[in-house]
């Protein structure tokens, strides 16, 4: 049966690789830079999320980013776990898997640049521009418009950075034979 959401078989090697990537994303996430606390945070974890999507496909990426969010929240000690944030991260994981699973990228291919641009735009639109401001409004009482007036709109400048970094790093990582095998190229 051919399904739209291809999901790889969860072999021990894939499971361990996803667990290591979750740990790497957790560690790299600690190097996030808060520009506006609770609203605008710059983090390099997106590149690890791309790798999780490349290896896990939509379903396992959904689960992996949900686990990452729960572990990150429990380890922070803040005690403000909200299931909707976890669901948002999981949905972003789904889209990382949808866009990057079984997708080989090449710096010189214009279609790959367009693909990464579309993936980045969709993921950022869902996460940074729609649901994060909505959840902040619901749980912290900061109006949607006030968040954008205070600087949320600056996230737009992250889009070209994400695209450039993804196209610079991922094609190089995709040359690794074991990664190619796990990503089902």
C-alpha atoms as a PDB file:
ATOM      1  CA  UNK A   1       0.000   0.000   0.000  1.00  0.00           C
ATOM      2  CA  UNK A   2       1.407   3.369  -1.004  1.00  0.00           C
ATOM      3  CA  UNK A   3       0.791   6.031   1.613  1.00  0.00           C
ATOM      4  CA  UNK A   4       1.495   9.734   1.514  1.00  0.00           C
ATOM      5  CA  UNK A   5       3.286   9.631   4.861  1.00  0.00           C
ATOM      6  CA  UNK A   6       6.141   7.221   4.353  1.00  0.00           C
ATOM      7  CA  UNK A   7       7.411   5.871   7.617  1.00  0.00           C
ATOM      8  CA  UNK A   8      10.596   3.854   7.878  1.00  0.00           C
ATOM      9  CA  UNK A   9      10.783   0.656   9.849  1.00  0.00           C
ATOM     10  CA  UNK A  10      12.108   1.345  13.343  1.00  0.00           C
ATOM     11  CA  UNK A  11      15.278  -0.742  13.369  1.00  0.00           C
ATOM     12  CA  UNK A  12      17.603  -0.727  16.393  1.00  0.00           C
ATOM     13  CA  UNK A  13      20.075   1.415  14.435  1.00  0.00           C
ATOM     14  CA  UNK A  14      17.387   3.972  13.536  1.00  0.00           C
ATOM     15  CA  UNK A  15      16.093   4.017  17.122  1.00  0.00           C
ATOM     16  CA  UNK A  16      19.562   4.615  18.572  1.00  0.00           C
ATOM     17  CA  UNK A  17      20.300   7.294  15.956  1.00  0.00           C
ATOM     18  CA  UNK A  18      17.055   9.106  16.742  1.00  0.00           C
ATOM     19  CA  UNK A  19      17.811   8.879  20.479  1.00  0.00           C
ATOM     20  CA  UNK A  20      21.275  10.340  19.916  1.00  0.00           C
ATOM     21  CA  UNK A  21      19.814  13.137  17.788  1.00  0.00           C
ATOM     22  CA  UNK A  22      17.241  13.889  20.504  1.00  0.00           C
ATOM     23  CA  UNK A  23      20.095  14.116  23.023  1.00  0.00           C
ATOM     24  CA  UNK A  24      22.073  16.334  20.636  1.00  0.00           C
ATOM     25  CA  UNK A  25      19.060  18.621  20.092  1.00  0.00           C
ATOM     26  CA  UNK A  26      18.582  18.799  23.866  1.00  0.00           C
ATOM     27  CA  UNK A  27      22.231  19.794  24.383  1.00  0.00           C
ATOM     28  CA  UNK A  28      22.302  22.280  21.510  1.00  0.00           C
ATOM     29  CA  UNK A  29      19.014  23.763  22.728  1.00  0.00           C
ATOM     30  CA  UNK A  30      20.817  24.936  25.857  1.00  0.00           C
ATOM     31  CA  UNK A  31      22.758  27.353  23.625  1.00  0.00           C
ATOM     32  CA  UNK A  32      19.586  29.200  22.636  1.00  0.00           C
ATOM     33  CA  UNK A  33      19.746  32.971  22.768  1.00  0.00           C
ATOM     34  CA  UNK A  34      16.647  34.693  24.179  1.00  0.00           C
ATOM     35  CA  UNK A  35      16.129  37.993  22.381  1.00  0.00           C
ATOM     36  CA  UNK A  36      12.718  38.668  23.955  1.00  0.00           C
ATOM     37  CA  UNK A  37      12.106  36.263  26.899  1.00  0.00           C
ATOM     38  CA  UNK A  38       9.227  33.791  26.358  1.00  0.00           C
ATOM     39  CA  UNK A  39       8.670  35.216  22.848  1.00  0.00           C
ATOM     40  CA  UNK A  40      11.731  35.430  20.602  1.00  0.00           C
ATOM     41  CA  UNK A  41      14.479  32.857  21.020  1.00  0.00           C
ATOM     42  CA  UNK A  42      17.153  32.037  18.452  1.00  0.00           C
ATOM     43  CA  UNK A  43      18.307  28.428  18.529  1.00  0.00           C
ATOM     44  CA  UNK A  44      20.495  26.256  16.277  1.00  0.00           C
ATOM     45  CA  UNK A  45      18.403  23.137  16.989  1.00  0.00           C
ATOM     46  CA  UNK A  46      16.605  23.404  13.657  1.00  0.00           C
ATOM     47  CA  UNK A  47      19.498  21.649  11.916  1.00  0.00           C
ATOM     48  CA  UNK A  48      19.205  18.660  14.276  1.00  0.00           C
ATOM     49  CA  UNK A  49      15.444  18.687  13.688  1.00  0.00           C
ATOM     50  CA  UNK A  50      16.132  18.447   9.949  1.00  0.00           C
ATOM     51  CA  UNK A  51      18.346  15.417  10.628  1.00  0.00           C
ATOM     52  CA  UNK A  52      15.615  13.824  12.763  1.00  0.00           C
ATOM     53  CA  UNK A  53      13.131  14.418   9.945  1.00  0.00           C
ATOM     54  CA  UNK A  54      15.561  12.982   7.398  1.00  0.00           C
ATOM     55  CA  UNK A  55      16.056   9.778   9.362  1.00  0.00           C
ATOM     56  CA  UNK A  56      12.688   9.329  11.055  1.00  0.00           C
ATOM     57  CA  UNK A  57      10.157  10.346   8.464  1.00  0.00           C
ATOM     58  CA  UNK A  58       6.939  12.103   9.491  1.00  0.00           C
ATOM     59  CA  UNK A  59       5.723   9.644  12.128  1.00  0.00           C
ATOM     60  CA  UNK A  60       8.974   8.997  14.008  1.00  0.00           C
ATOM     61  CA  UNK A  61       9.913  12.690  13.793  1.00  0.00           C
ATOM     62  CA  UNK A  62       6.545  13.577  15.305  1.00  0.00           C
ATOM     63  CA  UNK A  63       7.244  11.208  18.206  1.00  0.00           C
ATOM     64  CA  UNK A  64      10.913  12.237  18.528  1.00  0.00           C
ATOM     65  CA  UNK A  65      10.236  15.966  18.795  1.00  0.00           C
ATOM     66  CA  UNK A  66       7.404  15.325  21.263  1.00  0.00           C
ATOM     67  CA  UNK A  67       9.824  13.323  23.426  1.00  0.00           C
ATOM     68  CA  UNK A  68      12.439  16.051  23.087  1.00  0.00           C
ATOM     69  CA  UNK A  69       9.964  18.695  24.250  1.00  0.00           C
ATOM     70  CA  UNK A  70       8.825  16.635  27.257  1.00  0.00           C
ATOM     71  CA  UNK A  71      12.410  15.874  28.326  1.00  0.00           C
ATOM     72  CA  UNK A  72      13.443  19.491  27.834  1.00  0.00           C
ATOM     73  CA  UNK A  73      10.494  20.739  29.845  1.00  0.00           C
ATOM     74  CA  UNK A  74      10.964  18.247  32.685  1.00  0.00           C
ATOM     75  CA  UNK A  75      14.677  18.998  32.948  1.00  0.00           C
ATOM     76  CA  UNK A  76      14.176  22.762  33.059  1.00  0.00           C
ATOM     77  CA  UNK A  77      12.509  22.562  36.458  1.00  0.00           C
ATOM     78  CA  UNK A  78      10.199  25.445  35.555  1.00  0.00           C
ATOM     79  CA  UNK A  79       7.108  23.348  36.211  1.00  0.00           C
ATOM     80  CA  UNK A  80       5.099  24.944  33.425  1.00  0.00           C
ATOM     81  CA  UNK A  81       4.414  21.931  31.237  1.00  0.00           C
ATOM     82  CA  UNK A  82       1.663  22.638  28.733  1.00  0.00           C
ATOM     83  CA  UNK A  83       0.708  19.784  26.431  1.00  0.00           C
ATOM     84  CA  UNK A  84      -0.063  22.191  23.566  1.00  0.00           C
ATOM     85  CA  UNK A  85       3.601  23.233  23.306  1.00  0.00           C
ATOM     86  CA  UNK A  86       4.541  19.565  23.038  1.00  0.00           C
ATOM     87  CA  UNK A  87       1.910  19.010  20.374  1.00  0.00           C
ATOM     88  CA  UNK A  88       3.216  22.045  18.458  1.00  0.00           C
ATOM     89  CA  UNK A  89       6.775  20.648  18.523  1.00  0.00           C
ATOM     90  CA  UNK A  90       5.467  17.242  17.461  1.00  0.00           C
ATOM     91  CA  UNK A  91       3.592  18.778  14.518  1.00  0.00           C
ATOM     92  CA  UNK A  92       6.756  20.608  13.500  1.00  0.00           C
ATOM     93  CA  UNK A  93       8.551  17.245  13.680  1.00  0.00           C
ATOM     94  CA  UNK A  94       5.922  15.784  11.392  1.00  0.00           C
ATOM     95  CA  UNK A  95       6.618  18.506   8.829  1.00  0.00           C
ATOM     96  CA  UNK A  96      10.393  18.068   9.141  1.00  0.00           C
ATOM     97  CA  UNK A  97       9.865  14.380   8.339  1.00  0.00           C
ATOM     98  CA  UNK A  98       7.411  15.130   5.563  1.00  0.00           C
ATOM     99  CA  UNK A  99       9.786  17.539   3.825  1.00  0.00           C
ATOM    100  CA  UNK A 100      13.168  15.906   4.442  1.00  0.00           C
ATOM    101  CA  UNK A 101      12.624  12.123   4.607  1.00  0.00           C
ATOM    102  CA  UNK A 102      14.024  10.427   1.492  1.00  0.00           C
ATOM    103  CA  UNK A 103      15.042  13.837   0.111  1.00  0.00           C
ATOM    104  CA  UNK A 104      18.615  14.158  -1.030  1.00  0.00           C
ATOM    105  CA  UNK A 105      19.786  17.769  -1.171  1.00  0.00           C
ATOM    106  CA  UNK A 106      22.358  19.291  -3.493  1.00  0.00           C
ATOM    107  CA  UNK A 107      23.789  22.819  -3.180  1.00  0.00           C
ATOM    108  CA  UNK A 108      23.782  23.290  -6.970  1.00  0.00           C
ATOM    109  CA  UNK A 109      20.176  22.173  -7.556  1.00  0.00           C
ATOM    110  CA  UNK A 110      17.695  25.075  -7.703  1.00  0.00           C
ATOM    111  CA  UNK A 111      14.774  22.744  -6.966  1.00  0.00           C
ATOM    112  CA  UNK A 112      16.442  21.732  -3.699  1.00  0.00           C
ATOM    113  CA  UNK A 113      16.774  25.393  -2.724  1.00  0.00           C
ATOM    114  CA  UNK A 114      13.076  25.875  -3.449  1.00  0.00           C
ATOM    115  CA  UNK A 115      12.232  22.711  -1.493  1.00  0.00           C
ATOM    116  CA  UNK A 116      14.195  23.867   1.567  1.00  0.00           C
ATOM    117  CA  UNK A 117      12.671  27.355   1.271  1.00  0.00           C
ATOM    118  CA  UNK A 118       9.143  25.902   1.217  1.00  0.00           C
ATOM    119  CA  UNK A 119       9.912  23.567   4.128  1.00  0.00           C
ATOM    120  CA  UNK A 120      11.380  26.393   6.193  1.00  0.00           C
ATOM    121  CA  UNK A 121       8.504  28.735   5.390  1.00  0.00           C
ATOM    122  CA  UNK A 122       5.852  26.159   6.341  1.00  0.00           C
ATOM    123  CA  UNK A 123       7.598  25.105   9.557  1.00  0.00           C
ATOM    124  CA  UNK A 124       8.265  28.701  10.637  1.00  0.00           C
ATOM    125  CA  UNK A 125       4.753  29.837   9.689  1.00  0.00           C
ATOM    126  CA  UNK A 126       3.163  27.083  11.755  1.00  0.00           C
ATOM    127  CA  UNK A 127       5.533  27.297  14.710  1.00  0.00           C
ATOM    128  CA  UNK A 128       6.760  30.867  14.983  1.00  0.00           C
ATOM    129  CA  UNK A 129       4.075  32.998  13.400  1.00  0.00           C
ATOM    130  CA  UNK A 130       0.749  31.284  14.115  1.00  0.00           C
ATOM    131  CA  UNK A 131       0.661  28.807  16.984  1.00  0.00           C
ATOM    132  CA  UNK A 132       3.427  30.106  19.272  1.00  0.00           C
ATOM    133  CA  UNK A 133       1.895  33.620  19.434  1.00  0.00           C
ATOM    134  CA  UNK A 134      -1.534  32.044  19.881  1.00  0.00           C
ATOM    135  CA  UNK A 135      -0.339  29.882  22.790  1.00  0.00           C
ATOM    136  CA  UNK A 136       1.485  32.826  24.364  1.00  0.00           C
ATOM    137  CA  UNK A 137      -1.729  34.845  24.147  1.00  0.00           C
ATOM    138  CA  UNK A 138      -3.783  32.034  25.676  1.00  0.00           C
ATOM    139  CA  UNK A 139      -1.413  31.089  28.514  1.00  0.00           C
ATOM    140  CA  UNK A 140       0.467  34.299  29.288  1.00  0.00           C
ATOM    141  CA  UNK A 141      -2.108  36.902  28.266  1.00  0.00           C
ATOM    142  CA  UNK A 142       0.135  38.738  25.805  1.00  0.00           C
ATOM    143  CA  UNK A 143      -2.042  39.859  22.869  1.00  0.00           C
ATOM    144  CA  UNK A 144      -1.202  38.480  19.437  1.00  0.00           C
ATOM    145  CA  UNK A 145      -0.574  41.940  17.955  1.00  0.00           C
ATOM    146  CA  UNK A 146       1.573  43.023  20.918  1.00  0.00           C
ATOM    147  CA  UNK A 147       3.937  40.090  20.375  1.00  0.00           C
ATOM    148  CA  UNK A 148       4.550  41.148  16.789  1.00  0.00           C
ATOM    149  CA  UNK A 149       4.908  44.796  17.814  1.00  0.00           C
ATOM    150  CA  UNK A 150       7.442  43.737  20.467  1.00  0.00           C
ATOM    151  CA  UNK A 151       9.625  41.890  17.982  1.00  0.00           C
ATOM    152  CA  UNK A 152       8.164  38.528  16.953  1.00  0.00           C
ATOM    153  CA  UNK A 153       8.239  39.786  13.364  1.00  0.00           C
ATOM    154  CA  UNK A 154      12.056  39.677  13.607  1.00  0.00           C
ATOM    155  CA  UNK A 155      11.816  35.883  13.247  1.00  0.00           C
ATOM    156  CA  UNK A 156      11.361  36.558   9.534  1.00  0.00           C
ATOM    157  CA  UNK A 157      15.106  37.229   9.351  1.00  0.00           C
ATOM    158  CA  UNK A 158      15.763  33.682  10.558  1.00  0.00           C
ATOM    159  CA  UNK A 159      14.248  32.192   7.411  1.00  0.00           C
ATOM    160  CA  UNK A 160      17.198  32.960   5.064  1.00  0.00           C
ATOM    161  CA  UNK A 161      19.645  31.871   7.787  1.00  0.00           C
ATOM    162  CA  UNK A 162      17.833  28.544   8.199  1.00  0.00           C
ATOM    163  CA  UNK A 163      17.812  28.018   4.440  1.00  0.00           C
ATOM    164  CA  UNK A 164      21.513  28.825   4.001  1.00  0.00           C
ATOM    165  CA  UNK A 165      22.620  26.727   6.965  1.00  0.00           C
ATOM    166  CA  UNK A 166      20.439  23.793   5.904  1.00  0.00           C
ATOM    167  CA  UNK A 167      21.764  23.884   2.336  1.00  0.00           C
ATOM    168  CA  UNK A 168      25.354  24.274   3.537  1.00  0.00           C
ATOM    169  CA  UNK A 169      25.345  21.489   6.144  1.00  0.00           C
ATOM    170  CA  UNK A 170      22.791  18.852   5.155  1.00  0.00           C
ATOM    171  CA  UNK A 171      24.196  17.966   1.692  1.00  0.00           C
ATOM    172  CA  UNK A 172      27.591  17.443   3.329  1.00  0.00           C
ATOM    173  CA  UNK A 173      26.085  15.201   6.016  1.00  0.00           C
ATOM    174  CA  UNK A 174      24.174  13.258   3.378  1.00  0.00           C
ATOM    175  CA  UNK A 175      27.482  12.043   1.964  1.00  0.00           C
ATOM    176  CA  UNK A 176      27.955   9.814   5.035  1.00  0.00           C
ATOM    177  CA  UNK A 177      27.107   6.253   3.897  1.00  0.00           C
ATOM    178  CA  UNK A 178      25.371   5.220   7.127  1.00  0.00           C
ATOM    179  CA  UNK A 179      23.227   8.343   7.097  1.00  0.00           C
ATOM    180  CA  UNK A 180      22.297   7.701   3.456  1.00  0.00           C
ATOM    181  CA  UNK A 181      21.242   4.189   4.439  1.00  0.00           C
ATOM    182  CA  UNK A 182      19.139   5.414   7.372  1.00  0.00           C
ATOM    183  CA  UNK A 183      17.525   8.180   5.323  1.00  0.00           C
ATOM    184  CA  UNK A 184      16.553   5.683   2.605  1.00  0.00           C
ATOM    185  CA  UNK A 185      18.106   7.533  -0.341  1.00  0.00           C
END
